[in-house]
C-alpha atoms as a PDB file:
ATOM      1  CA  UNK A   1    -144.232  57.621 -20.029  1.00  0.00           C
ATOM      2  CA  UNK A   2    -144.832  54.048 -18.910  1.00  0.00           C
ATOM      3  CA  UNK A   3    -143.541  52.450 -15.751  1.00  0.00           C
ATOM      4  CA  UNK A   4    -143.249  48.691 -15.320  1.00  0.00           C
ATOM      5  CA  UNK A   5    -144.429  47.318 -11.979  1.00  0.00           C
ATOM      6  CA  UNK A   6    -144.709  43.862 -10.501  1.00  0.00           C
ATOM      7  CA  UNK A   7    -147.700  42.866  -8.385  1.00  0.00           C
ATOM      8  CA  UNK A   8    -148.861  39.625  -6.902  1.00  0.00           C
ATOM      9  CA  UNK A   9    -152.537  38.948  -7.509  1.00  0.00           C
ATOM     10  CA  UNK A  10    -154.757  36.153  -6.282  1.00  0.00           C
ATOM     11  CA  UNK A  11    -155.939  33.718  -8.961  1.00  0.00           C
ATOM     12  CA  UNK A  12    -159.515  35.065  -9.069  1.00  0.00           C
ATOM     13  CA  UNK A  13    -158.365  38.678  -9.590  1.00  0.00           C
ATOM     14  CA  UNK A  14    -155.933  37.609 -12.331  1.00  0.00           C
ATOM     15  CA  UNK A  15    -158.715  35.620 -14.023  1.00  0.00           C
ATOM     16  CA  UNK A  16    -161.065  38.618 -13.862  1.00  0.00           C
ATOM     17  CA  UNK A  17    -158.436  40.811 -15.505  1.00  0.00           C
ATOM     18  CA  UNK A  18    -157.880  38.191 -18.212  1.00  0.00           C
ATOM     19  CA  UNK A  19    -161.634  37.747 -18.879  1.00  0.00           C
ATOM     20  CA  UNK A  20    -162.229  41.497 -18.967  1.00  0.00           C
ATOM     21  CA  UNK A  21    -159.336  42.105 -21.351  1.00  0.00           C
ATOM     22  CA  UNK A  22    -160.556  39.314 -23.643  1.00  0.00           C
ATOM     23  CA  UNK A  23    -164.159  40.584 -23.556  1.00  0.00           C
ATOM     24  CA  UNK A  24    -163.035  44.147 -24.373  1.00  0.00           C
ATOM     25  CA  UNK A  25    -160.402  43.075 -26.866  1.00  0.00           C
ATOM     26  CA  UNK A  26    -157.738  45.119 -25.083  1.00  0.00           C
ATOM     27  CA  UNK A  27    -154.599  44.521 -23.064  1.00  0.00           C
ATOM     28  CA  UNK A  28    -154.552  43.437 -19.434  1.00  0.00           C
ATOM     29  CA  UNK A  29    -152.446  46.516 -18.678  1.00  0.00           C
ATOM     30  CA  UNK A  30    -155.178  48.769 -20.011  1.00  0.00           C
ATOM     31  CA  UNK A  31    -157.795  46.970 -17.917  1.00  0.00           C
ATOM     32  CA  UNK A  32    -155.666  47.487 -14.789  1.00  0.00           C
ATOM     33  CA  UNK A  33    -154.967  51.154 -15.651  1.00  0.00           C
ATOM     34  CA  UNK A  34    -158.657  51.904 -16.137  1.00  0.00           C
ATOM     35  CA  UNK A  35    -159.614  49.996 -12.981  1.00  0.00           C
ATOM     36  CA  UNK A  36    -157.070  51.946 -10.925  1.00  0.00           C
ATOM     37  CA  UNK A  37    -158.232  55.249 -12.469  1.00  0.00           C
ATOM     38  CA  UNK A  38    -161.874  54.507 -11.579  1.00  0.00           C
ATOM     39  CA  UNK A  39    -160.962  53.297  -8.088  1.00  0.00           C
ATOM     40  CA  UNK A  40    -158.863  56.408  -7.405  1.00  0.00           C
ATOM     41  CA  UNK A  41    -161.784  58.624  -8.492  1.00  0.00           C
ATOM     42  CA  UNK A  42    -164.075  56.929  -5.945  1.00  0.00           C
ATOM     43  CA  UNK A  43    -161.679  56.962  -2.986  1.00  0.00           C
ATOM     44  CA  UNK A  44    -162.960  59.366  -0.364  1.00  0.00           C
ATOM     45  CA  UNK A  45    -166.531  59.272  -1.618  1.00  0.00           C
ATOM     46  CA  UNK A  46    -169.237  57.902   0.614  1.00  0.00           C
ATOM     47  CA  UNK A  47    -170.491  54.397   0.086  1.00  0.00           C
ATOM     48  CA  UNK A  48    -174.209  53.714  -0.196  1.00  0.00           C
ATOM     49  CA  UNK A  49    -174.521  52.534   3.418  1.00  0.00           C
ATOM     50  CA  UNK A  50    -172.673  55.545   4.818  1.00  0.00           C
ATOM     51  CA  UNK A  51    -174.654  57.953   2.613  1.00  0.00           C
ATOM     52  CA  UNK A  52    -177.944  56.380   3.796  1.00  0.00           C
ATOM     53  CA  UNK A  53    -176.852  56.598   7.442  1.00  0.00           C
ATOM     54  CA  UNK A  54    -175.896  60.274   7.117  1.00  0.00           C
ATOM     55  CA  UNK A  55    -179.171  61.098   5.388  1.00  0.00           C
ATOM     56  CA  UNK A  56    -181.080  59.415   8.222  1.00  0.00           C
ATOM     57  CA  UNK A  57    -179.155  61.473  10.784  1.00  0.00           C
ATOM     58  CA  UNK A  58    -179.829  64.619   8.754  1.00  0.00           C
ATOM     59  CA  UNK A  59    -183.555  63.845   8.675  1.00  0.00           C
ATOM     60  CA  UNK A  60    -183.546  63.319  12.467  1.00  0.00           C
ATOM     61  CA  UNK A  61    -181.761  66.617  13.090  1.00  0.00           C
ATOM     62  CA  UNK A  62    -184.048  68.544  10.735  1.00  0.00           C
ATOM     63  CA  UNK A  63    -187.107  67.094  12.474  1.00  0.00           C
ATOM     64  CA  UNK A  64    -185.875  68.508  15.812  1.00  0.00           C
ATOM     65  CA  UNK A  65    -185.644  72.088  14.546  1.00  0.00           C
ATOM     66  CA  UNK A  66    -188.522  73.949  16.152  1.00  0.00           C
ATOM     67  CA  UNK A  67    -190.898  75.670  13.803  1.00  0.00           C
ATOM     68  CA  UNK A  68    -190.979  79.286  14.977  1.00  0.00           C
ATOM     69  CA  UNK A  69    -191.901  82.495  13.268  1.00  0.00           C
ATOM     70  CA  UNK A  70    -188.963  84.307  11.674  1.00  0.00           C
ATOM     71  CA  UNK A  71    -189.685  87.435  13.724  1.00  0.00           C
ATOM     72  CA  UNK A  72    -189.323  85.450  16.963  1.00  0.00           C
ATOM     73  CA  UNK A  73    -185.979  84.029  15.845  1.00  0.00           C
ATOM     74  CA  UNK A  74    -184.783  87.499  14.813  1.00  0.00           C
ATOM     75  CA  UNK A  75    -185.706  88.864  18.276  1.00  0.00           C
ATOM     76  CA  UNK A  76    -183.788  86.058  19.981  1.00  0.00           C
ATOM     77  CA  UNK A  77    -180.697  86.644  17.829  1.00  0.00           C
ATOM     78  CA  UNK A  78    -180.855  90.373  18.563  1.00  0.00           C
ATOM     79  CA  UNK A  79    -181.098  89.645  22.309  1.00  0.00           C
ATOM     80  CA  UNK A  80    -178.066  87.336  22.162  1.00  0.00           C
ATOM     81  CA  UNK A  81    -176.072  89.987  20.291  1.00  0.00           C
ATOM     82  CA  UNK A  82    -177.016  92.660  22.830  1.00  0.00           C
ATOM     83  CA  UNK A  83    -175.999  90.326  25.664  1.00  0.00           C
ATOM     84  CA  UNK A  84    -172.634  89.610  24.055  1.00  0.00           C
ATOM     85  CA  UNK A  85    -171.919  93.290  23.498  1.00  0.00           C
ATOM     86  CA  UNK A  86    -172.761  93.899  27.148  1.00  0.00           C
ATOM     87  CA  UNK A  87    -170.221  91.284  28.267  1.00  0.00           C
ATOM     88  CA  UNK A  88    -172.455  88.246  28.473  1.00  0.00           C
ATOM     89  CA  UNK A  89    -175.803  87.390  29.961  1.00  0.00           C
ATOM     90  CA  UNK A  90    -174.546  87.195  33.559  1.00  0.00           C
ATOM     91  CA  UNK A  91    -172.396  90.308  33.441  1.00  0.00           C
ATOM     92  CA  UNK A  92    -173.982  93.638  34.293  1.00  0.00           C
ATOM     93  CA  UNK A  93    -174.221  96.029  31.335  1.00  0.00           C
ATOM     94  CA  UNK A  94    -171.285  98.342  30.708  1.00  0.00           C
ATOM     95  CA  UNK A  95    -171.774 102.011  31.421  1.00  0.00           C
END
């Protein structure tokens, strides 16, 4: 089902639609439909600048992770779990 709409476009945008339709040998409506479909698919995705910035932050965070043996990490996790079961690190153990 088709729906007629009216939009006001600046001259440059209208000219781009006209040139694209002529180059593709298709209607201006089809050019607009495809452009809107592609735009809608990209909405919400990161732009190149934002993606680069997030990757830089990720690299900085990863670089701060201390390199420790797995056994040491496992011991620390076990100690934290024991402390939580006992009511916290500052609370005396339960009887």
